[in-house]
Amino acid sequence: MLLVDDDARPARTLAHMLGEDGYSVELAFDGASAIERIGRVPELDVLVLDYMLPHVNGLAVASYARSRWKSIPIIFLTSYLEVLRRATSTLSPPIVLLCKPLSYGDLTRELDRIVPVA
């Protein structure tokens, strides 16, 4: 999983919690770094990201990921729920949208549905 959020402290905490629960997590703190990682092999099993990111926004990162891997599961963690709902409504497979402040239980339920724990 690639977790992309520019708020480093909460992102590291979330990555640690997910790691404790058995998920393999890589971190990126801006859109450009996320795109650079997506451009490398191996393929990611899931992309979890914020919408508002420095350099490149989360929607552009998600679009790039889908251009590389058509069916990669994507979860947005965002305060811009309505903006993203309109922008992603026609994507297939659908993108999961979770509101900030994040409920860890909601995230792990989605992750468990999408990708099994490593």
PDB file of N, CA and C in Angstrom:
ATOM      1  N   MET A   1       0.846  -1.171   0.000  1.00  0.00           N
ATOM      2  CA  MET A   1       0.000   0.000   0.000  1.00  0.00           C
ATOM      3  C   MET A   1       0.891   1.233   0.000  1.00  0.00           C
ATOM      4  N   LEU A   2       0.446   2.237  -0.754  1.00  0.00           N
ATOM      5  CA  LEU A   2       1.107   3.528  -0.696  1.00  0.00           C
ATOM      6  C   LEU A   2       0.151   4.486  -0.016  1.00  0.00           C
ATOM      7  N   LEU A   3       0.580   5.086   1.081  1.00  0.00           N
ATOM      8  CA  LEU A   3      -0.178   6.078   1.829  1.00  0.00           C
ATOM      9  C   LEU A   3       0.434   7.435   1.530  1.00  0.00           C
ATOM     10  N   VAL A   4      -0.380   8.360   1.009  1.00  0.00           N
ATOM     11  CA  VAL A   4       0.109   9.675   0.594  1.00  0.00           C
ATOM     12  C   VAL A   4      -0.650  10.756   1.348  1.00  0.00           C
ATOM     13  N   ASP A   5       0.067  11.501   2.189  1.00  0.00           N
ATOM     14  CA  ASP A   5      -0.526  12.604   2.937  1.00  0.00           C
ATOM     15  C   ASP A   5       0.577  13.579   3.296  1.00  0.00           C
ATOM     16  N   ASP A   6       0.328  14.861   3.117  1.00  0.00           N
ATOM     17  CA  ASP A   6       1.349  15.868   3.400  1.00  0.00           C
ATOM     18  C   ASP A   6       1.467  16.194   4.880  1.00  0.00           C
ATOM     19  N   ASP A   7       0.551  15.732   5.700  1.00  0.00           N
ATOM     20  CA  ASP A   7       0.626  15.952   7.143  1.00  0.00           C
ATOM     21  C   ASP A   7       1.403  14.780   7.743  1.00  0.00           C
ATOM     22  N   ALA A   8       2.718  14.978   7.877  1.00  0.00           N
ATOM     23  CA  ALA A   8       3.648  13.874   8.165  1.00  0.00           C
ATOM     24  C   ALA A   8       3.362  13.153   9.472  1.00  0.00           C
ATOM     25  N   ARG A   9       3.113  13.864  10.533  1.00  0.00           N
ATOM     26  CA  ARG A   9       2.922  13.196  11.837  1.00  0.00           C
ATOM     27  C   ARG A   9       1.725  12.249  11.821  1.00  0.00           C
ATOM     28  N   PRO A  10       0.528  12.712  11.432  1.00  0.00           N
ATOM     29  CA  PRO A  10      -0.594  11.761  11.372  1.00  0.00           C
ATOM     30  C   PRO A  10      -0.371  10.637  10.360  1.00  0.00           C
ATOM     31  N   ALA A  11       0.292  10.944   9.249  1.00  0.00           N
ATOM     32  CA  ALA A  11       0.555   9.901   8.245  1.00  0.00           C
ATOM     33  C   ALA A  11       1.456   8.821   8.817  1.00  0.00           C
ATOM     34  N   ARG A  12       2.490   9.229   9.531  1.00  0.00           N
ATOM     35  CA  ARG A  12       3.389   8.236  10.150  1.00  0.00           C
ATOM     36  C   ARG A  12       2.654   7.421  11.216  1.00  0.00           C
ATOM     37  N   THR A  13       1.814   8.079  11.982  1.00  0.00           N
ATOM     38  CA  THR A  13       1.030   7.365  12.996  1.00  0.00           C
ATOM     39  C   THR A  13       0.100   6.356  12.338  1.00  0.00           C
ATOM     40  N   LEU A  14      -0.588   6.784  11.292  1.00  0.00           N
ATOM     41  CA  LEU A  14      -1.490   5.882  10.578  1.00  0.00           C
ATOM     42  C   LEU A  14      -0.720   4.714   9.968  1.00  0.00           C
ATOM     43  N   ALA A  15       0.428   4.999   9.359  1.00  0.00           N
ATOM     44  CA  ALA A  15       1.252   3.931   8.778  1.00  0.00           C
ATOM     45  C   ALA A  15       1.695   2.944   9.849  1.00  0.00           C
ATOM     46  N   HIS A  16       2.065   3.454  11.014  1.00  0.00           N
ATOM     47  CA  HIS A  16       2.480   2.579  12.118  1.00  0.00           C
ATOM     48  C   HIS A  16       1.312   1.690  12.562  1.00  0.00           C
ATOM     49  N   MET A  17       0.134   2.287  12.727  1.00  0.00           N
ATOM     50  CA  MET A  17      -1.040   1.512  13.146  1.00  0.00           C
ATOM     51  C   MET A  17      -1.377   0.433  12.117  1.00  0.00           C
ATOM     52  N   LEU A  18      -1.350   0.805  10.850  1.00  0.00           N
ATOM     53  CA  LEU A  18      -1.635  -0.173   9.801  1.00  0.00           C
ATOM     54  C   LEU A  18      -0.586  -1.280   9.782  1.00  0.00           C
ATOM     55  N   GLY A  19       0.675  -0.905   9.986  1.00  0.00           N
ATOM     56  CA  GLY A  19       1.747  -1.898  10.069  1.00  0.00           C
ATOM     57  C   GLY A  19       1.528  -2.857  11.224  1.00  0.00           C
ATOM     58  N   GLU A  20       1.103  -2.321  12.353  1.00  0.00           N
ATOM     59  CA  GLU A  20       0.808  -3.167  13.522  1.00  0.00           C
ATOM     60  C   GLU A  20      -0.328  -4.146  13.225  1.00  0.00           C
ATOM     61  N   ASP A  21      -1.222  -3.747  12.334  1.00  0.00           N
ATOM     62  CA  ASP A  21      -2.342  -4.608  11.959  1.00  0.00           C
ATOM     63  C   ASP A  21      -2.022  -5.507  10.769  1.00  0.00           C
ATOM     64  N   GLY A  22      -0.761  -5.526  10.342  1.00  0.00           N
ATOM     65  CA  GLY A  22      -0.336  -6.478   9.322  1.00  0.00           C
ATOM     66  C   GLY A  22      -0.244  -5.958   7.905  1.00  0.00           C
ATOM     67  N   TYR A  23      -0.513  -4.685   7.691  1.00  0.00           N
ATOM     68  CA  TYR A  23      -0.412  -4.121   6.351  1.00  0.00           C
ATOM     69  C   TYR A  23       1.009  -3.660   6.080  1.00  0.00           C
ATOM     70  N   SER A  24       1.439  -3.801   4.851  1.00  0.00           N
ATOM     71  CA  SER A  24       2.729  -3.291   4.411  1.00  0.00           C
ATOM     72  C   SER A  24       2.478  -1.896   3.838  1.00  0.00           C
ATOM     73  N   VAL A  25       3.102  -0.864   4.436  1.00  0.00           N
ATOM     74  CA  VAL A  25       2.801   0.518   4.080  1.00  0.00           C
ATOM     75  C   VAL A  25       4.064   1.257   3.666  1.00  0.00           C
ATOM     76  N   GLU A  26       3.998   1.906   2.504  1.00  0.00           N
ATOM     77  CA  GLU A  26       5.014   2.866   2.080  1.00  0.00           C
ATOM     78  C   GLU A  26       4.386   4.247   2.233  1.00  0.00           C
ATOM     79  N   LEU A  27       5.213   5.254   2.517  1.00  0.00           N
ATOM     80  CA  LEU A  27       4.721   6.620   2.699  1.00  0.00           C
ATOM     81  C   LEU A  27       5.262   7.556   1.627  1.00  0.00           C
ATOM     82  N   ALA A  28       4.434   8.502   1.236  1.00  0.00           N
ATOM     83  CA  ALA A  28       4.861   9.640   0.420  1.00  0.00           C
ATOM     84  C   ALA A  28       4.151  10.859   1.003  1.00  0.00           C
ATOM     85  N   PHE A  29       4.830  12.006   0.959  1.00  0.00           N
ATOM     86  CA  PHE A  29       4.288  13.200   1.608  1.00  0.00           C
ATOM     87  C   PHE A  29       3.886  14.293   0.625  1.00  0.00           C
ATOM     88  N   ASP A  30       3.976  14.023  -0.668  1.00  0.00           N
ATOM     89  CA  ASP A  30       3.503  14.972  -1.677  1.00  0.00           C
ATOM     90  C   ASP A  30       3.166  14.209  -2.952  1.00  0.00           C
ATOM     91  N   GLY A  31       2.437  14.885  -3.836  1.00  0.00           N
ATOM     92  CA  GLY A  31       1.990  14.236  -5.058  1.00  0.00           C
ATOM     93  C   GLY A  31       3.114  13.815  -5.981  1.00  0.00           C
ATOM     94  N   ALA A  32       4.151  14.635  -6.076  1.00  0.00           N
ATOM     95  CA  ALA A  32       5.268  14.296  -6.966  1.00  0.00           C
ATOM     96  C   ALA A  32       5.977  13.030  -6.503  1.00  0.00           C
ATOM     97  N   SER A  33       6.200  12.899  -5.205  1.00  0.00           N
ATOM     98  CA  SER A  33       6.839  11.683  -4.676  1.00  0.00           C
ATOM     99  C   SER A  33       5.961  10.464  -4.896  1.00  0.00           C
ATOM    100  N   ALA A  34       4.654  10.645  -4.758  1.00  0.00           N
ATOM    101  CA  ALA A  34       3.729   9.532  -4.989  1.00  0.00           C
ATOM    102  C   ALA A  34       3.785   9.077  -6.443  1.00  0.00           C
ATOM    103  N   ILE A  35       3.779  10.022  -7.362  1.00  0.00           N
ATOM    104  CA  ILE A  35       3.859   9.672  -8.786  1.00  0.00           C
ATOM    105  C   ILE A  35       5.177   8.976  -9.094  1.00  0.00           C
ATOM    106  N   GLU A  36       6.251   9.457  -8.495  1.00  0.00           N
ATOM    107  CA  GLU A  36       7.557   8.814  -8.702  1.00  0.00           C
ATOM    108  C   GLU A  36       7.502   7.365  -8.225  1.00  0.00           C
ATOM    109  N   ARG A  37       6.894   7.103  -7.084  1.00  0.00           N
ATOM    110  CA  ARG A  37       6.796   5.730  -6.568  1.00  0.00           C
ATOM    111  C   ARG A  37       5.891   4.878  -7.441  1.00  0.00           C
ATOM    112  N   ILE A  38       4.790   5.436  -7.887  1.00  0.00           N
ATOM    113  CA  ILE A  38       3.868   4.689  -8.736  1.00  0.00           C
ATOM    114  C   ILE A  38       4.547   4.299 -10.047  1.00  0.00           C
ATOM    115  N   GLY A  39       5.474   5.118 -10.500  1.00  0.00           N
ATOM    116  CA  GLY A  39       6.185   4.832 -11.740  1.00  0.00           C
ATOM    117  C   GLY A  39       7.173   3.692 -11.651  1.00  0.00           C
ATOM    118  N   ARG A  40       7.484   3.250 -10.444  1.00  0.00           N
ATOM    119  CA  ARG A  40       8.421   2.139 -10.261  1.00  0.00           C
ATOM    120  C   ARG A  40       7.668   0.823 -10.092  1.00  0.00           C
ATOM    121  N   VAL A  41       8.384  -0.239 -10.298  1.00  0.00           N
ATOM    122  CA  VAL A  41       7.864  -1.583 -10.055  1.00  0.00           C
ATOM    123  C   VAL A  41       8.241  -1.916  -8.614  1.00  0.00           C
ATOM    124  N   PRO A  42       7.515  -2.658  -7.861  1.00  0.00           N
ATOM    125  CA  PRO A  42       6.353  -3.464  -8.242  1.00  0.00           C
ATOM    126  C   PRO A  42       5.042  -2.677  -8.133  1.00  0.00           C
ATOM    127  N   GLU A  43       4.014  -3.302  -8.687  1.00  0.00           N
ATOM    128  CA  GLU A  43       2.678  -2.722  -8.617  1.00  0.00           C
ATOM    129  C   GLU A  43       2.220  -2.659  -7.165  1.00  0.00           C
ATOM    130  N   LEU A  44       1.479  -1.624  -6.847  1.00  0.00           N
ATOM    131  CA  LEU A  44       0.912  -1.465  -5.506  1.00  0.00           C
ATOM    132  C   LEU A  44      -0.402  -2.236  -5.418  1.00  0.00           C
ATOM    133  N   ASP A  45      -0.743  -2.686  -4.217  1.00  0.00           N
ATOM    134  CA  ASP A  45      -2.018  -3.378  -4.053  1.00  0.00           C
ATOM    135  C   ASP A  45      -3.158  -2.408  -3.760  1.00  0.00           C
ATOM    136  N   VAL A  46      -2.850  -1.223  -3.221  1.00  0.00           N
ATOM    137  CA  VAL A  46      -3.864  -0.212  -2.934  1.00  0.00           C
ATOM    138  C   VAL A  46      -3.174   1.143  -2.764  1.00  0.00           C
ATOM    139  N   LEU A  47      -3.879   2.199  -3.133  1.00  0.00           N
ATOM    140  CA  LEU A  47      -3.400   3.565  -2.986  1.00  0.00           C
ATOM    141  C   LEU A  47      -4.355   4.285  -2.042  1.00  0.00           C
ATOM    142  N   VAL A  48      -3.807   4.827  -0.949  1.00  0.00           N
ATOM    143  CA  VAL A  48      -4.588   5.577   0.031  1.00  0.00           C
ATOM    144  C   VAL A  48      -4.003   6.981   0.058  1.00  0.00           C
ATOM    145  N   LEU A  49      -4.834   7.989  -0.234  1.00  0.00           N
ATOM    146  CA  LEU A  49      -4.263   9.325  -0.340  1.00  0.00           C
ATOM    147  C   LEU A  49      -5.236  10.428  -0.007  1.00  0.00           C
ATOM    148  N   ASP A  50      -4.640  11.580   0.279  1.00  0.00           N
ATOM    149  CA  ASP A  50      -5.374  12.809   0.521  1.00  0.00           C
ATOM    150  C   ASP A  50      -5.575  13.514  -0.814  1.00  0.00           C
ATOM    151  N   TYR A  51      -6.546  14.396  -0.882  1.00  0.00           N
ATOM    152  CA  TYR A  51      -6.786  15.159  -2.101  1.00  0.00           C
ATOM    153  C   TYR A  51      -5.832  16.357  -2.211  1.00  0.00           C
ATOM    154  N   MET A  52      -5.724  17.135  -1.151  1.00  0.00           N
ATOM    155  CA  MET A  52      -4.881  18.328  -1.170  1.00  0.00           C
ATOM    156  C   MET A  52      -3.452  17.940  -0.817  1.00  0.00           C
ATOM    157  N   LEU A  53      -2.590  17.910  -1.832  1.00  0.00           N
ATOM    158  CA  LEU A  53      -1.187  17.545  -1.664  1.00  0.00           C
ATOM    159  C   LEU A  53      -0.315  18.612  -2.315  1.00  0.00           C
ATOM    160  N   PRO A  54       0.901  18.817  -1.799  1.00  0.00           N
ATOM    161  CA  PRO A  54       1.823  19.735  -2.478  1.00  0.00           C
ATOM    162  C   PRO A  54       2.252  19.179  -3.833  1.00  0.00           C
ATOM    163  N   HIS A  55       2.531  20.059  -4.761  1.00  0.00           N
ATOM    164  CA  HIS A  55       3.095  19.786  -6.087  1.00  0.00           C
ATOM    165  C   HIS A  55       2.074  19.218  -7.068  1.00  0.00           C
ATOM    166  N   VAL A  56       1.385  18.166  -6.703  1.00  0.00           N
ATOM    167  CA  VAL A  56       0.393  17.525  -7.573  1.00  0.00           C
ATOM    168  C   VAL A  56      -0.747  17.063  -6.673  1.00  0.00           C
ATOM    169  N   ASN A  57      -2.002  17.398  -7.025  1.00  0.00           N
ATOM    170  CA  ASN A  57      -3.098  17.009  -6.132  1.00  0.00           C
ATOM    171  C   ASN A  57      -3.401  15.513  -6.219  1.00  0.00           C
ATOM    172  N   GLY A  58      -4.156  15.036  -5.246  1.00  0.00           N
ATOM    173  CA  GLY A  58      -4.451  13.615  -5.149  1.00  0.00           C
ATOM    174  C   GLY A  58      -5.217  13.058  -6.331  1.00  0.00           C
ATOM    175  N   LEU A  59      -6.064  13.870  -6.941  1.00  0.00           N
ATOM    176  CA  LEU A  59      -6.811  13.395  -8.104  1.00  0.00           C
ATOM    177  C   LEU A  59      -5.870  13.103  -9.275  1.00  0.00           C
ATOM    178  N   ALA A  60      -4.863  13.946  -9.470  1.00  0.00           N
ATOM    179  CA  ALA A  60      -3.867  13.700 -10.523  1.00  0.00           C
ATOM    180  C   ALA A  60      -3.049  12.448 -10.212  1.00  0.00           C
ATOM    181  N   VAL A  61      -2.714  12.241  -8.936  1.00  0.00           N
ATOM    182  CA  VAL A  61      -1.984  11.033  -8.529  1.00  0.00           C
ATOM    183  C   VAL A  61      -2.840   9.802  -8.811  1.00  0.00           C
ATOM    184  N   ALA A  62      -4.110   9.865  -8.450  1.00  0.00           N
ATOM    185  CA  ALA A  62      -5.011   8.732  -8.689  1.00  0.00           C
ATOM    186  C   ALA A  62      -5.159   8.453 -10.187  1.00  0.00           C
ATOM    187  N   SER A  63      -5.265   9.499 -10.986  1.00  0.00           N
ATOM    188  CA  SER A  63      -5.375   9.327 -12.438  1.00  0.00           C
ATOM    189  C   SER A  63      -4.126   8.669 -13.002  1.00  0.00           C
ATOM    190  N   TYR A  64      -2.966   9.095 -12.519  1.00  0.00           N
ATOM    191  CA  TYR A  64      -1.727   8.484 -12.991  1.00  0.00           C
ATOM    192  C   TYR A  64      -1.665   7.013 -12.584  1.00  0.00           C
ATOM    193  N   ALA A  65      -2.047   6.715 -11.342  1.00  0.00           N
ATOM    194  CA  ALA A  65      -2.039   5.320 -10.884  1.00  0.00           C
ATOM    195  C   ALA A  65      -2.954   4.467 -11.760  1.00  0.00           C
ATOM    196  N   ARG A  66      -4.139   4.973 -12.084  1.00  0.00           N
ATOM    197  CA  ARG A  66      -5.073   4.216 -12.920  1.00  0.00           C
ATOM    198  C   ARG A  66      -4.570   4.107 -14.359  1.00  0.00           C
ATOM    199  N   SER A  67      -3.755   5.047 -14.816  1.00  0.00           N
ATOM    200  CA  SER A  67      -3.199   4.916 -16.162  1.00  0.00           C
ATOM    201  C   SER A  67      -2.167   3.790 -16.221  1.00  0.00           C
ATOM    202  N   ARG A  68      -1.528   3.512 -15.102  1.00  0.00           N
ATOM    203  CA  ARG A  68      -0.541   2.426 -15.018  1.00  0.00           C
ATOM    204  C   ARG A  68      -1.208   1.093 -14.722  1.00  0.00           C
ATOM    205  N   TRP A  69      -2.153   1.107 -13.786  1.00  0.00           N
ATOM    206  CA  TRP A  69      -2.818  -0.116 -13.331  1.00  0.00           C
ATOM    207  C   TRP A  69      -4.322   0.163 -13.306  1.00  0.00           C
ATOM    208  N   LYS A  70      -5.026  -0.288 -14.296  1.00  0.00           N
ATOM    209  CA  LYS A  70      -6.446   0.051 -14.498  1.00  0.00           C
ATOM    210  C   LYS A  70      -7.344  -0.245 -13.299  1.00  0.00           C
ATOM    211  N   SER A  71      -7.031  -1.279 -12.550  1.00  0.00           N
ATOM    212  CA  SER A  71      -7.958  -1.685 -11.494  1.00  0.00           C
ATOM    213  C   SER A  71      -7.403  -1.483 -10.079  1.00  0.00           C
ATOM    214  N   ILE A  72      -6.334  -0.673  -9.927  1.00  0.00           N
ATOM    215  CA  ILE A  72      -5.798  -0.470  -8.587  1.00  0.00           C
ATOM    216  C   ILE A  72      -6.870   0.158  -7.687  1.00  0.00           C
ATOM    217  N   PRO A  73      -7.100  -0.430  -6.522  1.00  0.00           N
ATOM    218  CA  PRO A  73      -8.042   0.175  -5.580  1.00  0.00           C
ATOM    219  C   PRO A  73      -7.472   1.495  -5.043  1.00  0.00           C
ATOM    220  N   ILE A  74      -8.332   2.497  -4.963  1.00  0.00           N
ATOM    221  CA  ILE A  74      -7.926   3.815  -4.478  1.00  0.00           C
ATOM    222  C   ILE A  74      -8.893   4.256  -3.393  1.00  0.00           C
ATOM    223  N   ILE A  75      -8.321   4.711  -2.285  1.00  0.00           N
ATOM    224  CA  ILE A  75      -9.101   5.251  -1.169  1.00  0.00           C
ATOM    225  C   ILE A  75      -8.627   6.679  -0.930  1.00  0.00           C
ATOM    226  N   PHE A  76      -9.547   7.627  -1.017  1.00  0.00           N
ATOM    227  CA  PHE A  76      -9.243   9.012  -0.669  1.00  0.00           C
ATOM    228  C   PHE A  76      -9.650   9.266   0.776  1.00  0.00           C
ATOM    229  N   LEU A  77      -8.767   9.906   1.522  1.00  0.00           N
ATOM    230  CA  LEU A  77      -9.043  10.400   2.864  1.00  0.00           C
ATOM    231  C   LEU A  77      -9.106  11.912   2.714  1.00  0.00           C
ATOM    232  N   THR A  78     -10.285  12.498   2.860  1.00  0.00           N
ATOM    233  CA  THR A  78     -10.402  13.896   2.462  1.00  0.00           C
ATOM    234  C   THR A  78     -11.448  14.683   3.234  1.00  0.00           C
ATOM    235  N   SER A  79     -11.241  15.970   3.263  1.00  0.00           N
ATOM    236  CA  SER A  79     -12.244  16.909   3.769  1.00  0.00           C
ATOM    237  C   SER A  79     -13.064  17.469   2.615  1.00  0.00           C
ATOM    238  N   TYR A  80     -12.701  17.134   1.385  1.00  0.00           N
ATOM    239  CA  TYR A  80     -13.351  17.637   0.175  1.00  0.00           C
ATOM    240  C   TYR A  80     -14.237  16.564  -0.438  1.00  0.00           C
ATOM    241  N   LEU A  81     -15.092  15.985   0.357  1.00  0.00           N
ATOM    242  CA  LEU A  81     -15.887  14.839  -0.067  1.00  0.00           C
ATOM    243  C   LEU A  81     -16.746  15.140  -1.296  1.00  0.00           C
ATOM    244  N   GLU A  82     -17.478  16.235  -1.296  1.00  0.00           N
ATOM    245  CA  GLU A  82     -18.374  16.535  -2.415  1.00  0.00           C
ATOM    246  C   GLU A  82     -17.607  16.824  -3.703  1.00  0.00           C
ATOM    247  N   VAL A  83     -16.486  17.517  -3.600  1.00  0.00           N
ATOM    248  CA  VAL A  83     -15.661  17.796  -4.778  1.00  0.00           C
ATOM    249  C   VAL A  83     -15.206  16.479  -5.396  1.00  0.00           C
ATOM    250  N   LEU A  84     -14.699  15.592  -4.576  1.00  0.00           N
ATOM    251  CA  LEU A  84     -14.203  14.305  -5.081  1.00  0.00           C
ATOM    252  C   LEU A  84     -15.333  13.400  -5.551  1.00  0.00           C
ATOM    253  N   ARG A  85     -16.458  13.457  -4.884  1.00  0.00           N
ATOM    254  CA  ARG A  85     -17.596  12.624  -5.308  1.00  0.00           C
ATOM    255  C   ARG A  85     -17.985  12.980  -6.743  1.00  0.00           C
ATOM    256  N   ARG A  86     -18.040  14.263  -7.056  1.00  0.00           N
ATOM    257  CA  ARG A  86     -18.373  14.688  -8.423  1.00  0.00           C
ATOM    258  C   ARG A  86     -17.254  14.321  -9.400  1.00  0.00           C
ATOM    259  N   ALA A  87     -16.012  14.521  -8.992  1.00  0.00           N
ATOM    260  CA  ALA A  87     -14.868  14.305  -9.891  1.00  0.00           C
ATOM    261  C   ALA A  87     -14.613  12.831 -10.180  1.00  0.00           C
ATOM    262  N   THR A  88     -15.035  11.939  -9.292  1.00  0.00           N
ATOM    263  CA  THR A  88     -14.709  10.518  -9.447  1.00  0.00           C
ATOM    264  C   THR A  88     -15.927   9.648  -9.725  1.00  0.00           C
ATOM    265  N   SER A  89     -17.084  10.254  -9.915  1.00  0.00           N
ATOM    266  CA  SER A  89     -18.325   9.472 -10.003  1.00  0.00           C
ATOM    267  C   SER A  89     -18.366   8.506 -11.179  1.00  0.00           C
ATOM    268  N   THR A  90     -17.617   8.761 -12.236  1.00  0.00           N
ATOM    269  CA  THR A  90     -17.682   7.888 -13.415  1.00  0.00           C
ATOM    270  C   THR A  90     -16.528   6.890 -13.496  1.00  0.00           C
ATOM    271  N   LEU A  91     -15.641   6.909 -12.522  1.00  0.00           N
ATOM    272  CA  LEU A  91     -14.489   6.008 -12.574  1.00  0.00           C
ATOM    273  C   LEU A  91     -14.889   4.578 -12.254  1.00  0.00           C
ATOM    274  N   SER A  92     -14.238   3.669 -12.934  1.00  0.00           N
ATOM    275  CA  SER A  92     -14.475   2.253 -12.684  1.00  0.00           C
ATOM    276  C   SER A  92     -13.130   1.537 -12.661  1.00  0.00           C
ATOM    277  N   PRO A  93     -12.858   0.751 -11.633  1.00  0.00           N
ATOM    278  CA  PRO A  93     -13.693   0.545 -10.460  1.00  0.00           C
ATOM    279  C   PRO A  93     -13.812   1.824  -9.637  1.00  0.00           C
ATOM    280  N   PRO A  94     -14.889   1.929  -8.874  1.00  0.00           N
ATOM    281  CA  PRO A  94     -15.119   3.150  -8.103  1.00  0.00           C
ATOM    282  C   PRO A  94     -14.005   3.414  -7.088  1.00  0.00           C
ATOM    283  N   ILE A  95     -13.825   4.688  -6.806  1.00  0.00           N
ATOM    284  CA  ILE A  95     -12.870   5.107  -5.772  1.00  0.00           C
ATOM    285  C   ILE A  95     -13.633   5.232  -4.465  1.00  0.00           C
ATOM    286  N   VAL A  96     -13.022   4.768  -3.378  1.00  0.00           N
ATOM    287  CA  VAL A  96     -13.630   4.863  -2.052  1.00  0.00           C
ATOM    288  C   VAL A  96     -13.281   6.227  -1.474  1.00  0.00           C
ATOM    289  N   LEU A  97     -14.282   6.907  -0.937  1.00  0.00           N
ATOM    290  CA  LEU A  97     -14.087   8.217  -0.326  1.00  0.00           C
ATOM    291  C   LEU A  97     -14.395   8.127   1.164  1.00  0.00           C
ATOM    292  N   LEU A  98     -13.412   8.485   1.994  1.00  0.00           N
ATOM    293  CA  LEU A  98     -13.598   8.514   3.443  1.00  0.00           C
ATOM    294  C   LEU A  98     -13.332   9.929   3.944  1.00  0.00           C
ATOM    295  N   CYS A  99     -14.233  10.419   4.785  1.00  0.00           N
ATOM    296  CA  CYS A  99     -14.149  11.781   5.310  1.00  0.00           C
ATOM    297  C   CYS A  99     -13.099  11.907   6.411  1.00  0.00           C
ATOM    298  N   LYS A 100     -12.409  13.048   6.397  1.00  0.00           N
ATOM    299  CA  LYS A 100     -11.573  13.431   7.528  1.00  0.00           C
ATOM    300  C   LYS A 100     -12.440  14.255   8.458  1.00  0.00           C
ATOM    301  N   PRO A 101     -12.299  14.151   9.769  1.00  0.00           N
ATOM    302  CA  PRO A 101     -11.317  13.304  10.438  1.00  0.00           C
ATOM    303  C   PRO A 101     -11.635  11.831  10.226  1.00  0.00           C
ATOM    304  N   LEU A 102     -10.579  11.082  10.042  1.00  0.00           N
ATOM    305  CA  LEU A 102     -10.660   9.683   9.662  1.00  0.00           C
ATOM    306  C   LEU A 102     -11.062   8.788  10.829  1.00  0.00           C
ATOM    307  N   SER A 103     -11.949   7.849  10.533  1.00  0.00           N
ATOM    308  CA  SER A 103     -12.237   6.763  11.454  1.00  0.00           C
ATOM    309  C   SER A 103     -11.349   5.586  11.049  1.00  0.00           C
ATOM    310  N   TYR A 104     -10.438   5.189  11.929  1.00  0.00           N
ATOM    311  CA  TYR A 104      -9.531   4.081  11.629  1.00  0.00           C
ATOM    312  C   TYR A 104     -10.317   2.809  11.297  1.00  0.00           C
ATOM    313  N   GLY A 105     -11.405   2.585  12.001  1.00  0.00           N
ATOM    314  CA  GLY A 105     -12.241   1.412  11.735  1.00  0.00           C
ATOM    315  C   GLY A 105     -12.823   1.425  10.330  1.00  0.00           C
ATOM    316  N   ASP A 106     -13.268   2.598   9.858  1.00  0.00           N
ATOM    317  CA  ASP A 106     -13.791   2.696   8.494  1.00  0.00           C
ATOM    318  C   ASP A 106     -12.703   2.370   7.475  1.00  0.00           C
ATOM    319  N   LEU A 107     -11.500   2.892   7.712  1.00  0.00           N
ATOM    320  CA  LEU A 107     -10.395   2.628   6.790  1.00  0.00           C
ATOM    321  C   LEU A 107     -10.050   1.147   6.755  1.00  0.00           C
ATOM    322  N   THR A 108      -9.893   0.523   7.911  1.00  0.00           N
ATOM    323  CA  THR A 108      -9.506  -0.886   7.922  1.00  0.00           C
ATOM    324  C   THR A 108     -10.614  -1.783   7.366  1.00  0.00           C
ATOM    325  N   ARG A 109     -11.871  -1.419   7.559  1.00  0.00           N
ATOM    326  CA  ARG A 109     -12.959  -2.196   6.944  1.00  0.00           C
ATOM    327  C   ARG A 109     -12.855  -2.143   5.426  1.00  0.00           C
ATOM    328  N   GLU A 110     -12.582  -0.961   4.884  1.00  0.00           N
ATOM    329  CA  GLU A 110     -12.418  -0.841   3.432  1.00  0.00           C
ATOM    330  C   GLU A 110     -11.194  -1.618   2.957  1.00  0.00           C
ATOM    331  N   LEU A 111     -10.094  -1.483   3.675  1.00  0.00           N
ATOM    332  CA  LEU A 111      -8.880  -2.209   3.291  1.00  0.00           C
ATOM    333  C   LEU A 111      -9.102  -3.715   3.343  1.00  0.00           C
ATOM    334  N   ASP A 112      -9.767  -4.194   4.374  1.00  0.00           N
ATOM    335  CA  ASP A 112     -10.041  -5.635   4.476  1.00  0.00           C
ATOM    336  C   ASP A 112     -10.923  -6.106   3.321  1.00  0.00           C
ATOM    337  N   ARG A 113     -11.831  -5.260   2.880  1.00  0.00           N
ATOM    338  CA  ARG A 113     -12.693  -5.606   1.762  1.00  0.00           C
ATOM    339  C   ARG A 113     -11.908  -5.625   0.448  1.00  0.00           C
ATOM    340  N   ILE A 114     -10.952  -4.714   0.320  1.00  0.00           N
ATOM    341  CA  ILE A 114     -10.213  -4.531  -0.924  1.00  0.00           C
ATOM    342  C   ILE A 114      -9.038  -5.476  -1.055  1.00  0.00           C
ATOM    343  N   VAL A 115      -8.224  -5.547  -0.003  1.00  0.00           N
ATOM    344  CA  VAL A 115      -6.966  -6.308  -0.087  1.00  0.00           C
ATOM    345  C   VAL A 115      -6.738  -7.023   1.242  1.00  0.00           C
ATOM    346  N   PRO A 116      -6.437  -8.299   1.206  1.00  0.00           N
ATOM    347  CA  PRO A 116      -6.176  -9.031   2.443  1.00  0.00           C
ATOM    348  C   PRO A 116      -4.881  -8.569   3.108  1.00  0.00           C
ATOM    349  N   VAL A 117      -4.825  -8.721   4.423  1.00  0.00           N
ATOM    350  CA  VAL A 117      -3.615  -8.376   5.182  1.00  0.00           C
ATOM    351  C   VAL A 117      -2.478  -9.289   4.746  1.00  0.00           C
ATOM    352  N   ALA A 118      -1.292  -8.702   4.574  1.00  0.00           N
ATOM    353  CA  ALA A 118      -0.114  -9.474   4.135  1.00  0.00           C
ATOM    354  C   ALA A 118       0.346 -10.446   5.184  1.00  0.00           C
TER     355      ALA A 118
END
